[in-house]
C-alpha atoms as a PDB file:
ATOM      1  CA  MET A   1     -16.858 -39.373  -9.942  1.00  0.00           C
ATOM      2  CA  HIS A   2     -15.201 -37.016  -7.814  1.00  0.00           C
ATOM      3  CA  ILE A   3     -17.633 -35.289  -4.789  1.00  0.00           C
ATOM      4  CA  VAL A   4     -16.480 -32.186  -2.916  1.00  0.00           C
ATOM      5  CA  LYS A   5     -17.926 -30.832   0.551  1.00  0.00           C
ATOM      6  CA  ALA A   6     -17.217 -27.313  -0.240  1.00  0.00           C
ATOM      7  CA  LEU A   7     -17.726 -25.919   3.598  1.00  0.00           C
ATOM      8  CA  THR A   8     -14.615 -28.412   4.371  1.00  0.00           C
ATOM      9  CA  ALA A   9     -12.310 -28.028   1.678  1.00  0.00           C
ATOM     10  CA  PRO A  10      -9.162 -26.377   2.719  1.00  0.00           C
ATOM     11  CA  GLU A  11      -8.882 -22.540   2.212  1.00  0.00           C
ATOM     12  CA  SER A  12      -6.720 -21.247  -0.751  1.00  0.00           C
ATOM     13  CA  PRO A  13      -4.962 -17.779  -0.201  1.00  0.00           C
ATOM     14  CA  ASN A  14      -5.792 -15.202  -2.080  1.00  0.00           C
ATOM     15  CA  LEU A  15      -5.554 -11.535  -3.195  1.00  0.00           C
ATOM     16  CA  HIS A  16      -8.509 -10.649  -1.223  1.00  0.00           C
ATOM     17  CA  GLY A  17      -7.434 -11.612   2.327  1.00  0.00           C
ATOM     18  CA  VAL A  18     -11.263 -13.484   2.724  1.00  0.00           C
ATOM     19  CA  SER A  19     -12.466 -16.896   3.192  1.00  0.00           C
ATOM     20  CA  ALA A  20     -11.661 -18.485  -0.254  1.00  0.00           C
ATOM     21  CA  ARG A  21     -11.878 -22.613  -0.865  1.00  0.00           C
ATOM     22  CA  GLY A  22     -11.033 -24.237  -4.237  1.00  0.00           C
ATOM     23  CA  LEU A  23     -13.310 -26.573  -5.269  1.00  0.00           C
ATOM     24  CA  HIS A  24     -12.696 -27.952  -8.894  1.00  0.00           C
ATOM     25  CA  GLY A  25     -10.032 -26.973 -11.166  1.00  0.00           C
ATOM     26  CA  THR A  26      -9.404 -27.891 -14.581  1.00  0.00           C
ATOM     27  CA  GLU A  27      -7.809 -26.432 -17.855  1.00  0.00           C
ATOM     28  CA  HIS A  28     -11.184 -25.494 -18.694  1.00  0.00           C
ATOM     29  CA  VAL A  29     -12.698 -24.248 -15.518  1.00  0.00           C
ATOM     30  CA  GLN A  30     -11.990 -22.813 -12.080  1.00  0.00           C
ATOM     31  CA  VAL A  31     -14.410 -23.300  -9.139  1.00  0.00           C
ATOM     32  CA  SER A  32     -14.398 -21.425  -5.812  1.00  0.00           C
ATOM     33  CA  MET A  33     -16.451 -20.531  -2.827  1.00  0.00           C
ATOM     34  CA  VAL A  34     -16.242 -17.674  -0.952  1.00  0.00           C
ATOM     35  CA  THR A  35     -17.754 -16.442   1.867  1.00  0.00           C
ATOM     36  CA  LEU A  36     -17.462 -12.997   2.779  1.00  0.00           C
ATOM     37  CA  GLN A  37     -18.574 -12.263   6.633  1.00  0.00           C
ATOM     38  CA  PRO A  38     -20.336  -8.976   7.516  1.00  0.00           C
ATOM     39  CA  GLY A  39     -18.592  -5.989   6.458  1.00  0.00           C
ATOM     40  CA  GLU A  40     -15.846  -7.990   4.248  1.00  0.00           C
ATOM     41  CA  SER A  41     -15.538  -7.432   0.494  1.00  0.00           C
ATOM     42  CA  LEU A  42     -13.345  -8.581  -2.854  1.00  0.00           C
ATOM     43  CA  LYS A  43     -11.121  -5.542  -3.571  1.00  0.00           C
ATOM     44  CA  LEU A  44     -12.161  -3.886  -7.164  1.00  0.00           C
ATOM     45  CA  HIS A  45     -10.230  -6.102  -9.706  1.00  0.00           C
ATOM     46  CA  VAL A  46      -9.833  -7.487 -12.955  1.00  0.00           C
ATOM     47  CA  THR A  47     -10.461 -10.828 -14.413  1.00  0.00           C
ATOM     48  CA  PRO A  48      -8.986 -11.974 -17.810  1.00  0.00           C
ATOM     49  CA  VAL A  49     -11.470 -14.437 -18.462  1.00  0.00           C
ATOM     50  CA  ASP A  50     -15.007 -14.373 -17.894  1.00  0.00           C
ATOM     51  CA  VAL A  51     -16.822 -14.601 -14.495  1.00  0.00           C
ATOM     52  CA  PHE A  52     -19.778 -15.818 -13.294  1.00  0.00           C
ATOM     53  CA  PHE A  53     -21.087 -15.609  -9.180  1.00  0.00           C
ATOM     54  CA  TYR A  54     -23.528 -18.497  -8.290  1.00  0.00           C
ATOM     55  CA  VAL A  55     -25.078 -16.676  -4.797  1.00  0.00           C
ATOM     56  CA  LEU A  56     -25.542 -19.884  -1.982  1.00  0.00           C
ATOM     57  CA  ALA A  57     -26.550 -17.821   1.212  1.00  0.00           C
ATOM     58  CA  GLY A  58     -26.848 -14.273   2.102  1.00  0.00           C
ATOM     59  CA  ARG A  59     -27.236 -10.940   0.258  1.00  0.00           C
ATOM     60  CA  GLY A  60     -24.613  -8.776  -0.846  1.00  0.00           C
ATOM     61  CA  SER A  61     -24.185  -6.137  -3.278  1.00  0.00           C
ATOM     62  CA  VAL A  62     -22.293  -6.709  -6.998  1.00  0.00           C
ATOM     63  CA  GLU A  63     -20.460  -3.763  -8.633  1.00  0.00           C
ATOM     64  CA  ILE A  64     -19.586  -4.434 -12.428  1.00  0.00           C
ATOM     65  CA  GLY A  65     -18.138  -1.419 -14.133  1.00  0.00           C
ATOM     66  CA  ASP A  66     -20.116   1.217 -13.701  1.00  0.00           C
ATOM     67  CA  GLU A  67     -23.595  -0.873 -12.574  1.00  0.00           C
ATOM     68  CA  ARG A  68     -24.529  -2.022  -8.779  1.00  0.00           C
ATOM     69  CA  GLU A  69     -27.301  -4.239  -8.371  1.00  0.00           C
ATOM     70  CA  GLU A  70     -28.117  -5.870  -4.752  1.00  0.00           C
ATOM     71  CA  VAL A  71     -27.979 -10.045  -5.123  1.00  0.00           C
ATOM     72  CA  SER A  72     -29.182 -12.514  -2.686  1.00  0.00           C
ATOM     73  CA  ARG A  73     -29.567 -16.645  -2.969  1.00  0.00           C
ATOM     74  CA  ASP A  74     -29.972 -18.137  -5.934  1.00  0.00           C
ATOM     75  CA  MET A  75     -29.200 -15.113  -8.105  1.00  0.00           C
ATOM     76  CA  LEU A  76     -26.601 -15.973 -10.895  1.00  0.00           C
ATOM     77  CA  ILE A  77     -24.573 -13.096 -12.020  1.00  0.00           C
ATOM     78  CA  VAL A  78     -22.133 -12.829 -15.243  1.00  0.00           C
ATOM     79  CA  SER A  79     -19.123 -10.576 -14.974  1.00  0.00           C
ATOM     80  CA  PRO A  80     -17.329 -10.195 -18.462  1.00  0.00           C
ATOM     81  CA  ALA A  81     -13.358 -10.736 -18.903  1.00  0.00           C
ATOM     82  CA  ARG A  82     -11.676  -7.264 -18.561  1.00  0.00           C
ATOM     83  CA  ILE A  83     -14.493  -5.560 -16.708  1.00  0.00           C
ATOM     84  CA  PRO A  84     -13.428  -4.267 -12.974  1.00  0.00           C
ATOM     85  CA  HIS A  85     -15.669  -5.667 -10.582  1.00  0.00           C
ATOM     86  CA  ARG A  86     -15.862  -6.941  -7.005  1.00  0.00           C
ATOM     87  CA  LEU A  87     -18.989  -8.223  -4.510  1.00  0.00           C
ATOM     88  CA  LEU A  88     -19.530  -6.531  -1.216  1.00  0.00           C
ATOM     89  CA  ASN A  89     -21.608  -7.735   2.293  1.00  0.00           C
ATOM     90  CA  GLU A  90     -22.996  -5.013   3.854  1.00  0.00           C
ATOM     91  CA  SER A  91     -25.487  -6.902   5.777  1.00  0.00           C
ATOM     92  CA  ASP A  92     -25.108  -8.415   9.134  1.00  0.00           C
ATOM     93  CA  ALA A  93     -25.355 -12.325   8.149  1.00  0.00           C
ATOM     94  CA  GLU A  94     -22.561 -14.454   5.871  1.00  0.00           C
ATOM     95  CA  PHE A  95     -22.961 -13.727   2.350  1.00  0.00           C
ATOM     96  CA  ARG A  96     -21.563 -17.030  -0.048  1.00  0.00           C
ATOM     97  CA  PHE A  97     -21.321 -17.544  -3.132  1.00  0.00           C
ATOM     98  CA  LEU A  98     -19.491 -19.884  -6.321  1.00  0.00           C
ATOM     99  CA  VAL A  99     -17.091 -18.171  -8.534  1.00  0.00           C
ATOM    100  CA  VAL A 100     -16.612 -19.933 -11.632  1.00  0.00           C
ATOM    101  CA  LYS A 101     -13.987 -19.058 -14.090  1.00  0.00           C
ATOM    102  CA  THR A 102     -13.989 -20.249 -17.618  1.00  0.00           C
ATOM    103  CA  PRO A 103     -11.894 -21.035 -18.930  1.00  0.00           C
ATOM    104  CA  ARG A 104      -9.063 -21.427 -16.253  1.00  0.00           C
ATOM    105  CA  PRO A 105      -7.243 -18.261 -15.750  1.00  0.00           C
ATOM    106  CA  THR A 106      -3.440 -17.976 -17.320  1.00  0.00           C
ATOM    107  CA  LYS A 107      -3.187 -14.541 -16.495  1.00  0.00           C
ATOM    108  CA  VAL A 108      -2.975 -12.872 -12.981  1.00  0.00           C
ATOM    109  CA  THR A 109      -6.335 -10.939 -11.308  1.00  0.00           C
ATOM    110  CA  LYS A 110      -5.623  -7.511 -11.182  1.00  0.00           C
ATOM    111  CA  ILE A 111      -6.461  -5.869  -7.814  1.00  0.00           C
ATOM    112  CA  LEU A 112      -7.081  -1.839  -9.157  1.00  0.00           C
END
């Protein structure tokens, strides 16, 4: 058994310049937790694999392709591979979510 305390896991450098903590990774899956402070967002980007986001706390906006939706705690968002996407925190509180990539990417995420 392997248990990770998400809030105290080491932060991982990332292309977005936001708080991201790697929680789990194998050849099959990569799991991170991202925390966006008020006014922060992920840069518009494309991933080579399918991604899903699970909102842990707060609320924010998600843009995938031409769609934009408001999301909040306990919502799951599916983002297909190779579609431009980003998450934004336009609220006045933290916005925290899991990022699950499957399979684990072997190519680099492309910032647009």
